[in-house]
Amino acid sequence: MKNKKLTFIIAVGLMAALCFVGNYIQIKIPNGVLITRVHLGNSMCLLAGILFGGLGGGLASGIGAALYDLLDPAYIISSPFTFLSKFAMGYICGELASRFKTREKNSKNVAGIVVSAAAGQIAYIVLYLLKTYLGQILLGAAHETALTATATNAITSSVNAVLAIVISVPLFYALKVPLSSTYFADLIYDKPKMTKWYVWVIAIILFLAVSVGAIYFYSMNK
């Protein structure tokens, strides 16, 4: 377990499992166009980012959430988009949170951790609502119908965001001390390097290409 790469893989696997299971604790809400949900999956995505930083949190979030979509016929077509958008949530939350975490037991930079979690959620909501609107338009829905679906999803996404922050931040502080005495400690307190601007550009282009491509493929084979 001293091998850092192995520890990283185990951490990502454990958190991906939690992200996957968290999606099953849900309330589905049909809105006449789509099925939207209030669920606890996002709280585990944020917790993954806060605990294990940008890359670890992003991978755990994306893998866990995408697996859930792949096993649900209602969401299977969205799984590529889900992986990218949830990765963005965990990554952004983790990158920011890594700048506020310290090994001191009494150090509680709560405001910084909350802001990090909120930033991750905001990034995800923007991507999710963009996908909802463009997806409806590409599938032939009227502008008003697309806006209605987007507005409904905005409400449930906001509820999910608040729940995720309220749950994930206290959980981090509850787990911080116990995990500091394990092999995961080095992962938790790693300081990330600054991400180059062109990496973000490539990521955004990839996100748009995969999302639009998946929707187009679905519409052509409907």
Protein backbone atom coordinates (compact mmCIF):
# COMPACT_ATOMS: atom_id res chain seq x y z
CA MET A 1 0.00 0.00 0.00
CA LYS A 2 3.01 2.27 0.16
CA ASN A 3 2.78 2.57 -3.62
CA LYS A 4 1.17 5.95 -4.25
CA LYS A 5 -0.29 4.95 -7.60
CA LEU A 6 -1.98 1.93 -6.06
CA THR A 7 -3.33 4.07 -3.23
CA PHE A 8 -4.68 6.53 -5.80
CA ILE A 9 -6.43 3.76 -7.75
CA ILE A 10 -8.00 2.38 -4.57
CA ALA A 11 -9.17 5.85 -3.51
CA VAL A 12 -10.74 6.52 -6.91
CA GLY A 13 -12.42 3.11 -6.88
CA LEU A 14 -13.87 3.56 -3.40
CA MET A 15 -15.20 7.04 -4.13
CA ALA A 16 -16.55 5.99 -7.54
CA ALA A 17 -18.53 3.27 -5.74
CA LEU A 18 -19.94 5.85 -3.33
CA CYS A 19 -20.84 8.19 -6.20
CA PHE A 20 -22.58 5.28 -7.93
CA VAL A 21 -24.57 4.24 -4.85
CA GLY A 22 -25.43 7.85 -3.99
CA ASN A 23 -27.34 8.16 -7.26
CA TYR A 24 -29.73 5.42 -6.12
CA ILE A 25 -30.80 7.47 -3.10
CA GLN A 26 -33.17 9.56 -5.17
CA ILE A 27 -36.60 10.92 -5.98
CA LYS A 28 -37.44 10.93 -9.70
CA ILE A 29 -39.54 13.86 -10.92
CA PRO A 30 -41.13 13.57 -14.41
CA ASN A 31 -41.57 17.05 -15.90
CA GLY A 32 -43.51 16.16 -19.04
CA VAL A 33 -40.39 16.24 -21.22
CA LEU A 34 -37.59 14.61 -19.25
CA ILE A 35 -37.16 12.79 -15.97
CA THR A 36 -35.19 14.87 -13.48
CA ARG A 37 -34.08 13.75 -10.03
CA VAL A 38 -33.27 14.88 -6.52
CA HIS A 39 -30.48 12.57 -5.34
CA LEU A 40 -27.37 12.26 -3.17
CA GLY A 41 -24.90 11.38 -5.90
CA ASN A 42 -23.50 14.91 -6.13
CA SER A 43 -22.64 14.95 -2.43
CA MET A 44 -20.33 11.98 -2.97
CA CYS A 45 -18.82 13.66 -6.05
CA LEU A 46 -17.97 16.75 -4.00
CA LEU A 47 -16.64 14.64 -1.14
CA ALA A 48 -14.37 12.82 -3.61
CA GLY A 49 -13.01 16.14 -4.85
CA ILE A 50 -12.51 17.61 -1.38
CA LEU A 51 -10.75 14.49 -0.14
CA PHE A 52 -8.62 13.47 -3.09
CA GLY A 53 -8.10 16.59 -5.16
CA GLY A 54 -8.87 17.47 -8.74
CA LEU A 55 -7.84 14.38 -10.68
CA GLY A 56 -8.90 11.82 -8.07
CA GLY A 57 -12.19 13.58 -7.38
CA GLY A 58 -12.90 14.10 -11.06
CA LEU A 59 -12.28 10.49 -12.02
CA ALA A 60 -14.29 9.09 -9.11
CA SER A 61 -17.20 11.44 -9.87
CA GLY A 62 -17.20 10.78 -13.59
CA ILE A 63 -16.82 7.01 -13.35
CA GLY A 64 -19.40 6.51 -10.60
CA ALA A 65 -22.05 8.72 -12.17
CA ALA A 66 -21.49 7.41 -15.72
CA LEU A 67 -21.85 3.81 -14.51
CA TYR A 68 -25.20 4.71 -12.97
CA ASP A 69 -26.37 6.16 -16.28
CA LEU A 70 -25.16 3.11 -18.20
CA LEU A 71 -27.34 0.85 -16.03
CA ASP A 72 -30.50 2.99 -16.34
CA PRO A 73 -32.25 2.91 -19.76
CA ALA A 74 -33.60 6.42 -19.14
CA TYR A 75 -30.09 7.89 -18.94
CA ILE A 76 -27.87 5.56 -20.93
CA ILE A 77 -27.52 7.95 -23.88
CA SER A 78 -26.33 10.66 -21.48
CA SER A 79 -23.47 8.63 -19.99
CA PRO A 80 -20.65 10.24 -22.06
CA PHE A 81 -21.89 13.70 -21.10
CA THR A 82 -22.37 12.62 -17.50
CA PHE A 83 -18.79 11.43 -17.25
CA LEU A 84 -17.44 14.77 -18.51
CA SER A 85 -19.77 17.03 -16.51
CA LYS A 86 -19.35 15.12 -13.25
CA PHE A 87 -15.61 14.97 -13.84
CA ALA A 88 -15.67 18.77 -14.15
CA MET A 89 -17.56 19.06 -10.85
CA GLY A 90 -15.18 16.83 -8.92
CA TYR A 91 -12.11 18.28 -10.58
CA ILE A 92 -12.92 21.94 -9.99
CA CYS A 93 -14.03 21.29 -6.42
CA GLY A 94 -10.89 19.25 -5.74
CA GLU A 95 -8.47 21.72 -7.32
CA LEU A 96 -9.83 24.58 -5.23
CA ALA A 97 -10.24 22.60 -2.00
CA SER A 98 -6.60 21.44 -2.16
CA ARG A 99 -5.55 25.04 -1.53
CA PHE A 100 -7.43 25.20 1.76
CA LYS A 101 -6.67 21.83 3.36
CA THR A 102 -3.98 21.49 6.04
CA ARG A 103 -2.84 18.61 8.21
CA GLU A 104 -3.47 20.50 11.46
CA LYS A 105 -6.30 18.89 13.43
CA ASN A 106 -7.73 22.21 14.56
CA SER A 107 -7.51 23.91 11.18
CA LYS A 108 -11.00 24.46 9.80
CA ASN A 109 -10.98 26.53 6.64
CA VAL A 110 -14.68 25.91 6.30
CA ALA A 111 -15.38 28.94 4.11
CA GLY A 112 -12.76 27.90 1.58
CA ILE A 113 -14.04 24.33 1.42
CA VAL A 114 -17.64 25.51 1.04
CA VAL A 115 -16.64 27.88 -1.77
CA SER A 116 -14.77 25.04 -3.47
CA ALA A 117 -17.80 22.76 -3.26
CA ALA A 118 -20.08 25.54 -4.53
CA ALA A 119 -17.74 26.23 -7.47
CA GLY A 120 -17.80 22.58 -8.46
CA GLN A 121 -21.58 22.51 -8.28
CA ILE A 122 -21.99 25.73 -10.27
CA ALA A 123 -19.72 24.39 -13.03
CA TYR A 124 -21.78 21.20 -13.21
CA ILE A 125 -25.13 23.02 -13.21
CA VAL A 126 -24.06 25.29 -16.08
CA LEU A 127 -22.91 22.31 -18.16
CA TYR A 128 -26.00 20.28 -17.27
CA LEU A 129 -28.47 23.03 -18.17
CA LEU A 130 -26.59 23.78 -21.39
CA LYS A 131 -26.81 20.13 -22.34
CA THR A 132 -30.51 20.01 -21.43
CA TYR A 133 -31.40 22.95 -23.64
CA LEU A 134 -29.21 22.01 -26.61
CA GLY A 135 -30.28 18.39 -26.33
CA GLN A 136 -33.96 19.29 -26.58
CA ILE A 137 -33.33 21.58 -29.55
CA LEU A 138 -31.27 18.96 -31.38
CA LEU A 139 -34.00 16.39 -30.76
CA GLY A 140 -36.53 18.66 -32.44
CA ALA A 141 -38.30 20.21 -29.45
CA ALA A 142 -39.71 23.71 -29.66
CA HIS A 143 -37.81 26.56 -28.01
CA GLU A 144 -40.49 26.93 -25.32
CA THR A 145 -40.42 23.20 -24.56
CA ALA A 146 -36.64 23.24 -24.27
CA LEU A 147 -36.79 26.21 -21.91
CA THR A 148 -39.44 24.50 -19.76
CA ALA A 149 -37.31 21.37 -19.41
CA THR A 150 -34.24 23.49 -18.64
CA ALA A 151 -36.07 25.55 -16.03
CA THR A 152 -37.38 22.44 -14.26
CA ASN A 153 -33.92 20.91 -14.25
CA ALA A 154 -32.52 24.18 -12.90
CA ILE A 155 -34.77 23.88 -9.85
CA THR A 156 -33.88 20.27 -9.07
CA SER A 157 -30.20 20.94 -9.79
CA SER A 158 -30.23 23.77 -7.28
CA VAL A 159 -31.81 21.51 -4.66
CA ASN A 160 -29.21 18.84 -5.39
CA ALA A 161 -26.45 21.44 -5.13
CA VAL A 162 -27.54 22.65 -1.70
CA LEU A 163 -27.92 19.07 -0.43
CA ALA A 164 -24.52 18.13 -1.83
CA ILE A 165 -22.72 21.01 -0.12
CA VAL A 166 -24.55 20.54 3.19
CA ILE A 167 -23.67 16.83 3.23
CA SER A 168 -20.16 16.74 1.73
CA VAL A 169 -18.46 19.49 3.75
CA PRO A 170 -19.35 18.10 7.23
CA LEU A 171 -18.48 14.60 5.99
CA PHE A 172 -15.03 15.81 4.97
CA TYR A 173 -14.33 17.24 8.42
CA ALA A 174 -15.68 14.06 10.03
CA LEU A 175 -13.34 11.91 7.91
CA LYS A 176 -10.33 14.24 7.85
CA VAL A 177 -8.74 13.19 11.15
CA PRO A 178 -9.30 9.41 10.82
CA LEU A 179 -8.00 9.36 7.24
CA SER A 180 -4.95 11.44 8.16
CA SER A 181 -3.50 8.39 9.90
CA THR A 182 -3.94 6.13 6.84
CA TYR A 183 -2.11 5.71 3.55
CA PHE A 184 -4.63 8.11 1.99
CA ALA A 185 -3.15 11.06 3.89
CA ASP A 186 -0.63 11.97 1.19
CA LEU A 187 -3.38 12.06 -1.42
CA ILE A 188 -5.59 14.23 0.75
CA TYR A 189 -2.96 16.89 1.35
CA ASP A 190 -1.22 16.96 -2.03
CA LYS A 191 -0.92 20.49 -3.43
CA PRO A 192 -1.95 20.59 -7.11
CA LYS A 193 -0.03 22.24 -9.91
CA MET A 194 -1.72 25.01 -11.85
CA THR A 195 -3.61 23.71 -14.89
CA LYS A 196 -2.57 25.29 -18.19
CA TRP A 197 -5.19 27.41 -19.93
CA TYR A 198 -5.12 25.31 -23.10
CA VAL A 199 -6.08 22.22 -21.10
CA TRP A 200 -9.36 23.89 -20.19
CA VAL A 201 -9.98 24.86 -23.84
CA ILE A 202 -9.41 21.28 -24.97
CA ALA A 203 -11.66 19.99 -22.18
CA ILE A 204 -14.51 22.33 -23.14
CA ILE A 205 -14.24 21.42 -26.83
CA LEU A 206 -14.21 17.72 -25.92
CA PHE A 207 -17.24 18.18 -23.67
CA LEU A 208 -19.24 19.91 -26.40
CA ALA A 209 -18.19 17.44 -29.09
CA VAL A 210 -19.08 14.36 -27.05
CA SER A 211 -22.37 15.80 -25.77
CA VAL A 212 -23.60 16.99 -29.16
CA GLY A 213 -22.34 13.81 -30.84
CA ALA A 214 -24.19 11.56 -28.39
CA ILE A 215 -27.43 13.52 -28.81
CA TYR A 216 -27.11 13.55 -32.61
CA PHE A 217 -26.42 9.81 -32.69
CA TYR A 218 -29.50 9.21 -30.55
CA SER A 219 -31.70 11.40 -32.74
CA MET A 220 -30.52 9.62 -35.92
CA ASN A 221 -31.26 6.17 -34.45
CA LYS A 222 -34.44 7.03 -32.61
